[in-house]
Amino acid sequence: MAPADTRASAAPRLDAAGRRARLRQYQIELIERMQAARAGSAASVQQLGVLVGATRTLIALTEAGEIAPLAALTRVPLTQPWYLGLANIRGNLVGVIDLARYLGEGASAPGPDSRLVTFAGALGFNCALLVARVYGLRDGQNMTAAGALLVDADGCDWRALDLAALVREERFLHVAI
């Protein structure tokens, strides 16, 4: 009976190892694209498309760090309602922000597709955004401007998010109430 138990317990470890390998490969590809964008060798400007609250949002690859599964959050007392708490992402404590709530759009409800998108290290801000969904790479240059929004070929509206500007906002820097 021991060999069957060993096989049964090994299967989840192999699946977890496979997921980690796929995540690592995705991160490597994302880093390569970000480096190509910084070097100007990319034919188009790639951005990460995410769903923040109910709004499709574009984040420049140079400002996005990694995409992580929703981790357990530890609440921090006496903080703003949009500051969800701290998460441990690969051994690093990261402050998690509900950007939809910060922008006055109402609280985000975490779901099965929710992810944490960390800020790029170059921003010098150890933070992550709670996103309802990750759409993947989008090309903002091929979208049409419609006021403050961009419209893609399918007619979907997208809001561009400047994380570098966000981390300079006085209100964003003060999470304490």
Protein backbone atom coordinates (compact mmCIF):
# COMPACT_ATOMS: atom_id res chain seq x y z
CA MET A 1 0.00 0.00 0.00
CA ALA A 2 2.94 2.33 0.57
CA PRO A 3 3.92 2.52 -3.16
CA ALA A 4 0.41 3.67 -4.14
CA ASP A 5 0.46 6.31 -1.40
CA THR A 6 3.85 7.51 -2.64
CA ARG A 7 2.55 7.82 -6.22
CA ALA A 8 -0.58 9.67 -5.07
CA SER A 9 1.39 12.19 -3.06
CA ALA A 10 3.97 12.66 -5.85
CA ALA A 11 1.34 13.67 -8.43
CA PRO A 12 0.41 17.00 -6.77
CA ARG A 13 4.10 17.87 -6.38
CA LEU A 14 4.74 17.21 -10.06
CA ASP A 15 1.73 19.32 -11.03
CA ALA A 16 2.90 22.15 -8.79
CA ALA A 17 6.41 21.86 -10.24
CA GLY A 18 4.96 21.99 -13.75
CA ARG A 19 2.96 25.11 -12.91
CA ARG A 20 6.06 26.77 -11.45
CA ALA A 21 8.04 25.89 -14.58
CA ARG A 22 5.32 27.32 -16.86
CA LEU A 23 5.08 30.47 -14.72
CA ARG A 24 8.86 30.88 -14.82
CA GLN A 25 8.90 30.46 -18.62
CA TYR A 26 6.12 33.05 -18.97
CA GLN A 27 8.08 35.46 -16.75
CA ILE A 28 11.23 34.95 -18.83
CA GLU A 29 9.31 35.70 -22.03
CA LEU A 30 7.75 38.77 -20.41
CA ILE A 31 11.17 40.05 -19.29
CA GLU A 32 12.57 39.53 -22.80
CA ARG A 33 9.69 41.53 -24.27
CA MET A 34 10.16 44.27 -21.68
CA GLN A 35 13.88 44.48 -22.50
CA ALA A 36 13.10 44.64 -26.20
CA ALA A 37 10.59 47.43 -25.56
CA ARG A 38 13.15 49.39 -23.49
CA ALA A 39 15.77 48.95 -26.20
CA GLY A 40 13.36 50.23 -28.83
CA SER A 41 13.71 47.08 -30.89
CA ALA A 42 10.07 46.14 -30.51
CA ALA A 43 7.98 46.91 -33.58
CA SER A 44 5.11 48.03 -31.37
CA VAL A 45 4.58 49.11 -27.80
CA GLN A 46 3.33 46.17 -25.78
CA GLN A 47 1.24 46.67 -22.69
CA LEU A 48 -0.27 44.29 -20.20
CA GLY A 49 -4.06 44.21 -20.40
CA VAL A 50 -5.83 43.64 -17.07
CA LEU A 51 -9.30 44.08 -15.61
CA VAL A 52 -9.36 46.53 -12.68
CA GLY A 53 -12.81 46.44 -11.15
CA ALA A 54 -14.99 46.56 -14.26
CA THR A 55 -12.54 48.58 -16.38
CA ARG A 56 -10.12 47.17 -18.93
CA THR A 57 -6.76 48.69 -18.13
CA LEU A 58 -3.38 48.86 -19.89
CA ILE A 59 -0.12 48.84 -17.93
CA ALA A 60 3.20 49.48 -19.67
CA LEU A 61 5.42 46.40 -19.53
CA THR A 62 8.26 48.56 -18.26
CA GLU A 63 6.15 49.37 -15.17
CA ALA A 64 4.71 45.92 -14.49
CA GLY A 65 6.63 43.38 -12.47
CA GLU A 66 5.35 39.85 -12.17
CA ILE A 67 1.88 38.37 -12.27
CA ALA A 68 1.23 36.26 -9.20
CA PRO A 69 -1.71 34.18 -8.04
CA LEU A 70 -3.86 35.80 -5.40
CA ALA A 71 -2.08 35.15 -2.11
CA ALA A 72 -3.41 35.22 1.44
CA LEU A 73 -3.58 38.80 2.63
CA THR A 74 -2.75 40.01 6.12
CA ARG A 75 -4.79 43.09 7.01
CA VAL A 76 -2.95 46.07 8.40
CA PRO A 77 -4.93 47.99 11.03
CA LEU A 78 -5.71 51.68 10.58
CA THR A 79 -5.18 51.76 6.82
CA GLN A 80 -7.32 53.07 3.99
CA PRO A 81 -10.09 50.72 2.76
CA TRP A 82 -8.33 50.42 -0.63
CA TYR A 83 -5.17 49.14 1.05
CA LEU A 84 -5.98 45.43 1.31
CA GLY A 85 -2.92 44.45 3.34
CA LEU A 86 0.30 42.55 2.87
CA ALA A 87 0.92 39.47 0.75
CA ASN A 88 3.95 37.20 0.68
CA ILE A 89 5.01 36.89 -2.95
CA ARG A 90 7.98 34.56 -3.31
CA GLY A 91 9.34 35.58 0.09
CA ASN A 92 8.78 39.33 -0.33
CA LEU A 93 6.17 41.27 1.62
CA VAL A 94 4.17 43.35 -0.84
CA GLY A 95 1.46 45.92 -0.11
CA VAL A 96 -1.72 45.06 -2.06
CA ILE A 97 -3.95 47.81 -3.44
CA ASP A 98 -7.54 47.57 -4.66
CA LEU A 99 -7.09 50.15 -7.42
CA ALA A 100 -10.77 50.14 -8.36
CA ARG A 101 -11.66 51.20 -4.82
CA TYR A 102 -8.82 53.73 -4.76
CA LEU A 103 -10.26 55.29 -7.93
CA GLY A 104 -13.75 55.44 -6.37
CA GLU A 105 -15.23 52.65 -8.51
CA GLY A 106 -16.22 50.37 -5.60
CA ALA A 107 -14.49 47.43 -3.99
CA SER A 108 -13.17 44.57 -6.12
CA ALA A 109 -14.41 41.11 -5.27
CA PRO A 110 -11.59 38.58 -5.61
CA GLY A 111 -12.54 35.68 -7.86
CA PRO A 112 -10.98 32.62 -9.47
CA ASP A 113 -9.30 34.72 -12.20
CA SER A 114 -7.95 37.36 -9.79
CA ARG A 115 -4.21 37.98 -9.80
CA LEU A 116 -1.69 40.30 -8.22
CA VAL A 117 0.38 42.42 -10.59
CA THR A 118 3.48 43.73 -8.87
CA PHE A 119 5.13 47.03 -9.70
CA ALA A 120 8.43 46.86 -11.59
CA GLY A 121 11.50 47.10 -9.39
CA ALA A 122 12.58 50.24 -11.26
CA LEU A 123 9.65 52.10 -9.68
CA GLY A 124 11.12 51.48 -6.24
CA PHE A 125 7.73 50.72 -4.74
CA ASN A 126 7.05 47.29 -3.21
CA CYS A 127 3.41 47.08 -4.19
CA ALA A 128 0.92 45.00 -6.17
CA LEU A 129 -2.48 45.67 -7.68
CA LEU A 130 -5.40 43.32 -7.28
CA VAL A 131 -6.75 42.67 -10.78
CA ALA A 132 -9.89 40.71 -11.57
CA ARG A 133 -8.37 39.20 -14.70
CA VAL A 134 -5.25 39.29 -16.85
CA TYR A 135 -5.92 39.60 -20.58
CA GLY A 136 -2.29 39.36 -21.65
CA LEU A 137 -0.30 41.57 -23.99
CA ARG A 138 -2.01 44.33 -25.92
CA ASP A 139 -0.70 46.83 -28.46
CA GLY A 140 -1.89 50.31 -27.48
CA GLN A 141 -0.45 51.81 -30.68
CA ASN A 142 -3.02 49.90 -32.72
CA MET A 143 -5.89 51.32 -30.67
CA THR A 144 -7.91 54.42 -31.43
CA ALA A 145 -8.02 57.29 -28.96
CA ALA A 146 -11.49 58.15 -27.70
CA GLY A 147 -11.06 60.89 -25.15
CA ALA A 148 -9.24 59.49 -22.10
CA LEU A 149 -9.78 55.92 -23.35
CA LEU A 150 -8.35 53.75 -26.10
CA VAL A 151 -10.59 51.54 -28.23
CA ASP A 152 -9.29 48.26 -29.67
CA ALA A 153 -10.27 46.61 -32.96
CA ASP A 154 -13.08 44.71 -31.17
CA GLY A 155 -14.62 47.95 -29.89
CA CYS A 156 -13.53 47.43 -26.26
CA ASP A 157 -12.55 50.49 -24.21
CA TRP A 158 -9.20 50.51 -22.39
CA ARG A 159 -7.86 52.93 -19.79
CA ALA A 160 -4.09 53.51 -19.75
CA LEU A 161 -2.59 53.35 -16.26
CA ASP A 162 0.68 55.13 -15.48
CA LEU A 163 2.11 53.36 -12.43
CA ALA A 164 5.06 55.79 -12.25
CA ALA A 165 2.60 58.67 -11.85
CA LEU A 166 0.51 56.67 -9.38
CA VAL A 167 3.43 56.15 -7.00
CA ARG A 168 4.00 59.92 -6.95
CA GLU A 169 0.43 60.71 -5.89
CA GLU A 170 0.36 62.05 -2.33
CA ARG A 171 -2.89 60.23 -1.52
CA PHE A 172 -1.51 56.91 -2.79
CA LEU A 173 1.60 57.26 -0.62
CA HIS A 174 -0.39 57.66 2.59
CA VAL A 175 -2.22 54.42 3.35
CA ALA A 176 -2.78 55.22 7.02
CA ILE A 177 -6.11 56.65 8.13
